[in-house]
Amino acid sequence: MKRLLALLPLLLALTCASADDVLRVDFRERPPEMHAVDGTPSGPLVSILDTAAQRLGIRLHWRLAPFLRSLDDLRSGRVDLVPRVLLTAQRREYIHFLPSIGSQQLNVRFIVRPGREAELTRYDDLYRLVVGVKRGTAYFEPFDSDALLGRAYASDDAQLAAMFRAGRLDSIAVLDIVPMEAQFATLGFSDYGYAQYVHHQVLGNHFGASLKRYRNDRRELYDALAAELARMREQGEIALIYRRHGVMPPDETNR
């Protein structure tokens, strides 16, 4: 009886999807959780969504796209889902967030020139700097909405790395260290370090869905997918998939 009750959300979800259902999903370079291998999406986030969709009879059409384009397409309904979208009040206006697949320690670090690490030890020190940020990225409050900060905007990690190397930035706000360091390595640049100031935060890992499509014609599909992802987390399958990819699972990175 307990096993039947555990499977009930999945059985109900299967009645909501047909074999002809196709969801358009964007991904981006965010190793180790998702990245392209010879143009093919890979990583635990990709495997998790592929697994859930297959069980529900949903086909996925993956597209490699810049995050800003993905956000615009979520707003307009041109894309259905985007993995790992941080939940903010502003984004709730056009994104329907599926249940978190786990909590993660996602601290914000600040890249500076070597020897200047001790010059940035607290938030107020940021007011003296030109800080590079990516358009559309949510870092933390009050940083995201602080009108007194000197920001320089870039479209992606590659542009930020080039601007820092050229001396146009005093610092870079970094939410994902691995992709940023990969860009520096591509440039053959190593003249950087990390400030002593760190903003510590634990955030949920969500798939973001188009609120426009949810309200229009995708409610049952999105809800079915949400139910399956919640079941996978509860049963420990999310963590298992992460480990298969050699990546620390959510709910364990903040212990």
Protein backbone atom coordinates (compact mmCIF):
# COMPACT_ATOMS: atom_id res chain seq x y z
CA MET A 1 0.00 0.00 0.00
CA LYS A 2 2.81 2.43 0.87
CA ARG A 3 4.52 1.69 -2.43
CA LEU A 4 1.28 2.39 -4.32
CA LEU A 5 0.87 5.72 -2.55
CA ALA A 6 4.46 6.64 -3.39
CA LEU A 7 3.80 5.93 -7.07
CA LEU A 8 0.48 7.80 -7.15
CA PRO A 9 1.94 11.21 -8.17
CA LEU A 10 3.73 9.54 -11.10
CA LEU A 11 0.60 7.65 -12.21
CA LEU A 12 -1.44 10.84 -12.09
CA ALA A 13 1.25 12.71 -13.99
CA LEU A 14 1.32 10.12 -16.76
CA THR A 15 -2.34 10.79 -17.50
CA CYS A 16 -1.52 14.46 -18.17
CA ALA A 17 1.07 13.93 -20.91
CA SER A 18 0.90 12.32 -24.32
CA ALA A 19 3.63 10.96 -26.54
CA ASP A 20 3.23 13.97 -28.84
CA ASP A 21 4.15 16.51 -26.16
CA VAL A 22 7.38 18.39 -26.82
CA LEU A 23 9.01 20.90 -24.47
CA ARG A 24 11.65 23.35 -25.65
CA VAL A 25 14.48 23.53 -23.14
CA ASP A 26 17.48 25.87 -23.08
CA PHE A 27 20.83 25.06 -21.51
CA ARG A 28 24.09 26.95 -21.15
CA GLU A 29 27.67 26.36 -20.15
CA ARG A 30 27.53 25.95 -16.38
CA PRO A 31 29.92 23.09 -15.61
CA PRO A 32 29.84 20.77 -13.85
CA GLU A 33 26.01 20.83 -13.66
CA MET A 34 25.41 21.36 -17.39
CA HIS A 35 27.62 21.84 -20.42
CA ALA A 36 27.94 20.88 -24.07
CA VAL A 37 29.91 17.84 -25.21
CA ASP A 38 30.40 18.04 -28.99
CA GLY A 39 27.28 20.19 -29.08
CA THR A 40 25.21 17.72 -27.06
CA PRO A 41 23.80 18.78 -23.67
CA SER A 42 25.39 16.92 -20.77
CA GLY A 43 25.59 17.03 -16.99
CA PRO A 44 23.38 16.04 -14.07
CA LEU A 45 20.73 18.72 -14.70
CA VAL A 46 20.31 17.45 -18.25
CA SER A 47 20.08 13.82 -17.10
CA ILE A 48 17.54 14.68 -14.40
CA LEU A 49 15.18 16.42 -16.81
CA ASP A 50 15.66 13.77 -19.51
CA THR A 51 14.80 11.04 -16.99
CA ALA A 52 11.68 12.79 -15.70
CA ALA A 53 10.45 13.66 -19.19
CA GLN A 54 10.96 10.14 -20.51
CA ARG A 55 8.84 8.69 -17.73
CA LEU A 56 6.04 11.12 -18.54
CA GLY A 57 6.13 10.53 -22.28
CA ILE A 58 7.42 14.07 -22.91
CA ARG A 59 9.98 14.77 -25.62
CA LEU A 60 12.56 17.51 -25.05
CA HIS A 61 14.12 19.76 -27.67
CA TRP A 62 17.37 21.14 -26.22
CA ARG A 63 18.96 24.41 -27.36
CA LEU A 64 22.30 25.92 -26.35
CA ALA A 65 21.56 29.60 -25.72
CA PRO A 66 22.89 32.59 -23.79
CA PHE A 67 21.11 33.07 -20.48
CA LEU A 68 19.75 36.51 -21.43
CA ARG A 69 18.09 35.06 -24.52
CA SER A 70 16.65 32.24 -22.43
CA LEU A 71 15.12 34.71 -19.98
CA ASP A 72 13.59 36.73 -22.82
CA ASP A 73 12.18 33.56 -24.38
CA LEU A 74 10.72 32.40 -21.06
CA ARG A 75 8.95 35.74 -20.83
CA SER A 76 7.54 35.50 -24.35
CA GLY A 77 6.78 31.78 -24.20
CA ARG A 78 9.18 30.83 -27.01
CA VAL A 79 10.91 28.39 -24.66
CA ASP A 80 9.35 26.13 -22.02
CA LEU A 81 12.11 25.40 -19.51
CA VAL A 82 15.54 26.59 -18.41
CA PRO A 83 17.59 24.66 -15.81
CA ARG A 84 19.05 26.33 -12.73
CA VAL A 85 17.27 29.65 -12.64
CA LEU A 86 17.66 31.45 -9.32
CA LEU A 87 14.33 32.46 -7.83
CA THR A 88 13.78 36.20 -7.35
CA ALA A 89 10.67 38.31 -6.86
CA GLN A 90 11.25 40.04 -10.20
CA ARG A 91 11.55 36.77 -12.09
CA ARG A 92 8.34 35.47 -10.55
CA GLU A 93 6.54 38.01 -12.74
CA TYR A 94 7.23 35.91 -15.85
CA ILE A 95 8.68 32.57 -14.65
CA HIS A 96 6.82 29.64 -13.10
CA PHE A 97 9.35 27.94 -10.83
CA LEU A 98 9.21 24.17 -10.52
CA PRO A 99 9.97 22.72 -7.07
CA SER A 100 13.60 22.93 -6.01
CA ILE A 101 15.60 19.78 -6.70
CA GLY A 102 17.81 20.68 -3.72
CA SER A 103 19.59 23.42 -1.81
CA GLN A 104 23.11 24.52 -2.73
CA GLN A 105 25.80 26.72 -1.26
CA LEU A 106 26.12 29.38 -3.97
CA ASN A 107 28.40 32.02 -2.50
CA VAL A 108 29.26 35.16 -4.42
CA ARG A 109 33.02 35.75 -4.71
CA PHE A 110 34.82 38.82 -6.03
CA ILE A 111 37.81 38.59 -8.34
CA VAL A 112 40.50 41.23 -7.82
CA ARG A 113 44.12 41.83 -8.79
CA PRO A 114 46.74 39.88 -6.81
CA GLY A 115 47.81 41.81 -3.75
CA ARG A 116 44.47 43.59 -3.43
CA GLU A 117 42.56 40.79 -1.73
CA ALA A 118 42.61 42.57 1.65
CA GLU A 119 41.26 45.80 0.16
CA LEU A 120 37.82 44.22 -0.22
CA THR A 121 36.79 42.78 3.14
CA ARG A 122 33.18 43.96 3.49
CA TYR A 123 30.23 45.04 1.36
CA ASP A 124 30.89 48.77 1.78
CA ASP A 125 34.30 48.38 0.13
CA LEU A 126 32.50 47.68 -3.14
CA TYR A 127 31.49 51.35 -3.42
CA ARG A 128 35.07 52.27 -4.30
CA LEU A 129 35.29 49.81 -7.19
CA VAL A 130 34.09 49.24 -10.72
CA VAL A 131 32.55 45.77 -10.47
CA GLY A 132 31.87 43.64 -13.52
CA VAL A 133 28.54 41.80 -13.59
CA LYS A 134 26.62 39.77 -16.14
CA ARG A 135 23.36 41.18 -17.45
CA GLY A 136 20.38 39.20 -16.24
CA THR A 137 22.25 37.39 -13.46
CA ALA A 138 20.83 37.47 -9.94
CA TYR A 139 23.61 37.67 -7.35
CA PHE A 140 22.10 38.77 -4.02
CA GLU A 141 20.29 41.63 -2.37
CA PRO A 142 21.08 44.45 -1.82
CA PHE A 143 23.85 44.04 -4.41
CA ASP A 144 21.44 43.53 -7.34
CA SER A 145 19.43 46.69 -6.67
CA ASP A 146 22.02 48.97 -5.07
CA ALA A 147 22.03 52.09 -7.28
CA LEU A 148 25.17 53.46 -5.60
CA LEU A 149 27.44 50.67 -6.77
CA GLY A 150 29.67 51.19 -9.79
CA ARG A 151 28.81 48.34 -12.14
CA ALA A 152 30.07 47.50 -15.61
CA TYR A 153 27.79 45.13 -17.49
CA ALA A 154 28.81 42.30 -19.79
CA SER A 155 26.90 39.68 -21.71
CA ASP A 156 28.88 36.63 -20.54
CA ASP A 157 31.92 35.31 -18.68
CA ALA A 158 34.18 35.65 -21.73
CA GLN A 159 33.48 39.37 -22.00
CA LEU A 160 34.00 39.90 -18.27
CA ALA A 161 37.32 38.07 -18.37
CA ALA A 162 38.50 40.17 -21.33
CA MET A 163 37.44 43.41 -19.63
CA PHE A 164 39.28 42.48 -16.44
CA ARG A 165 42.44 41.54 -18.31
CA ALA A 166 42.29 44.89 -20.16
CA GLY A 167 42.14 46.77 -16.82
CA ARG A 168 38.61 48.07 -17.34
CA LEU A 169 37.36 46.45 -14.13
CA ASP A 170 38.54 46.55 -10.53
CA SER A 171 36.62 43.41 -9.67
CA ILE A 172 34.19 40.80 -11.02
CA ALA A 173 31.24 39.41 -9.07
CA VAL A 174 31.28 35.63 -9.55
CA LEU A 175 28.50 33.18 -8.74
CA ASP A 176 30.02 30.28 -10.69
CA ILE A 177 33.79 30.07 -10.29
CA VAL A 178 34.50 27.15 -12.65
CA PRO A 179 33.19 28.79 -15.86
CA MET A 180 34.90 32.10 -15.06
CA GLU A 181 38.26 30.46 -14.41
CA ALA A 182 37.86 28.50 -17.64
CA GLN A 183 37.54 31.80 -19.52
CA PHE A 184 40.71 33.14 -17.92
CA ALA A 185 42.50 29.92 -18.86
CA THR A 186 41.34 30.31 -22.46
CA LEU A 187 42.89 33.79 -22.47
CA GLY A 188 46.10 32.47 -20.90
CA PHE A 189 45.53 34.93 -18.05
CA SER A 190 46.33 34.14 -14.42
CA ASP A 191 46.89 37.59 -12.88
CA TYR A 192 43.89 37.46 -10.55
CA GLY A 193 42.86 36.44 -7.05
CA TYR A 194 39.79 36.44 -4.79
CA ALA A 195 38.87 39.16 -2.32
CA GLN A 196 38.48 38.33 1.34
CA TYR A 197 34.86 39.45 1.21
CA VAL A 198 32.45 36.64 0.39
CA HIS A 199 28.67 36.78 0.39
CA HIS A 200 27.49 33.45 1.79
CA GLN A 201 24.10 32.08 0.70
CA VAL A 202 22.21 28.82 0.30
CA LEU A 203 19.74 28.78 -2.58
CA GLY A 204 17.31 26.35 -4.15
CA ASN A 205 18.09 24.79 -7.52
CA HIS A 206 15.03 25.34 -9.73
CA PHE A 207 13.96 24.66 -13.28
CA GLY A 208 12.30 27.83 -14.54
CA ALA A 209 9.25 27.45 -16.79
CA SER A 210 7.43 30.01 -18.90
CA LEU A 211 4.65 31.54 -16.81
CA LYS A 212 2.92 32.66 -20.01
CA ARG A 213 2.77 29.08 -21.30
CA TYR A 214 1.81 27.78 -17.85
CA ARG A 215 -1.22 30.06 -17.79
CA ASN A 216 -2.07 29.28 -21.38
CA ASP A 217 -1.69 25.65 -22.47
CA ARG A 218 1.10 24.01 -20.47
CA ARG A 219 -0.25 23.86 -16.91
CA GLU A 220 -0.85 20.11 -16.84
CA LEU A 221 2.52 19.31 -18.43
CA TYR A 222 4.48 21.59 -16.11
CA ASP A 223 2.61 20.31 -13.06
CA ALA A 224 3.25 16.70 -14.10
CA LEU A 225 6.94 17.41 -14.49
CA ALA A 226 7.02 19.22 -11.14
CA ALA A 227 5.43 16.22 -9.42
CA GLU A 228 7.97 13.82 -10.91
CA LEU A 229 10.94 16.02 -9.99
CA ALA A 230 9.64 16.30 -6.42
CA ARG A 231 9.29 12.51 -6.26
CA MET A 232 12.82 12.03 -7.60
CA ARG A 233 14.23 14.32 -4.94
CA GLU A 234 12.28 12.63 -2.16
CA GLN A 235 13.39 9.16 -3.30
CA GLY A 236 17.05 10.20 -3.50
CA GLU A 237 17.25 9.82 -7.27
CA ILE A 238 18.40 13.41 -7.80
CA ALA A 239 21.42 12.83 -5.58
CA LEU A 240 22.16 9.52 -7.31
CA ILE A 241 22.23 11.15 -10.75
CA TYR A 242 24.58 13.86 -9.52
CA ARG A 243 26.95 11.26 -8.10
CA ARG A 244 26.93 9.31 -11.37
CA HIS A 245 28.25 12.47 -13.02
CA GLY A 246 30.87 12.89 -10.31
CA VAL A 247 29.25 16.07 -9.00
CA MET A 248 28.32 16.92 -5.41
CA PRO A 249 24.51 16.67 -5.11
CA PRO A 250 22.30 19.51 -3.91
CA ASP A 251 21.40 19.28 -0.22
CA GLU A 252 24.98 18.13 0.42
CA THR A 253 26.99 21.14 -0.81
CA ASN A 254 25.85 23.24 2.15
CA ARG A 255 26.63 20.75 4.92
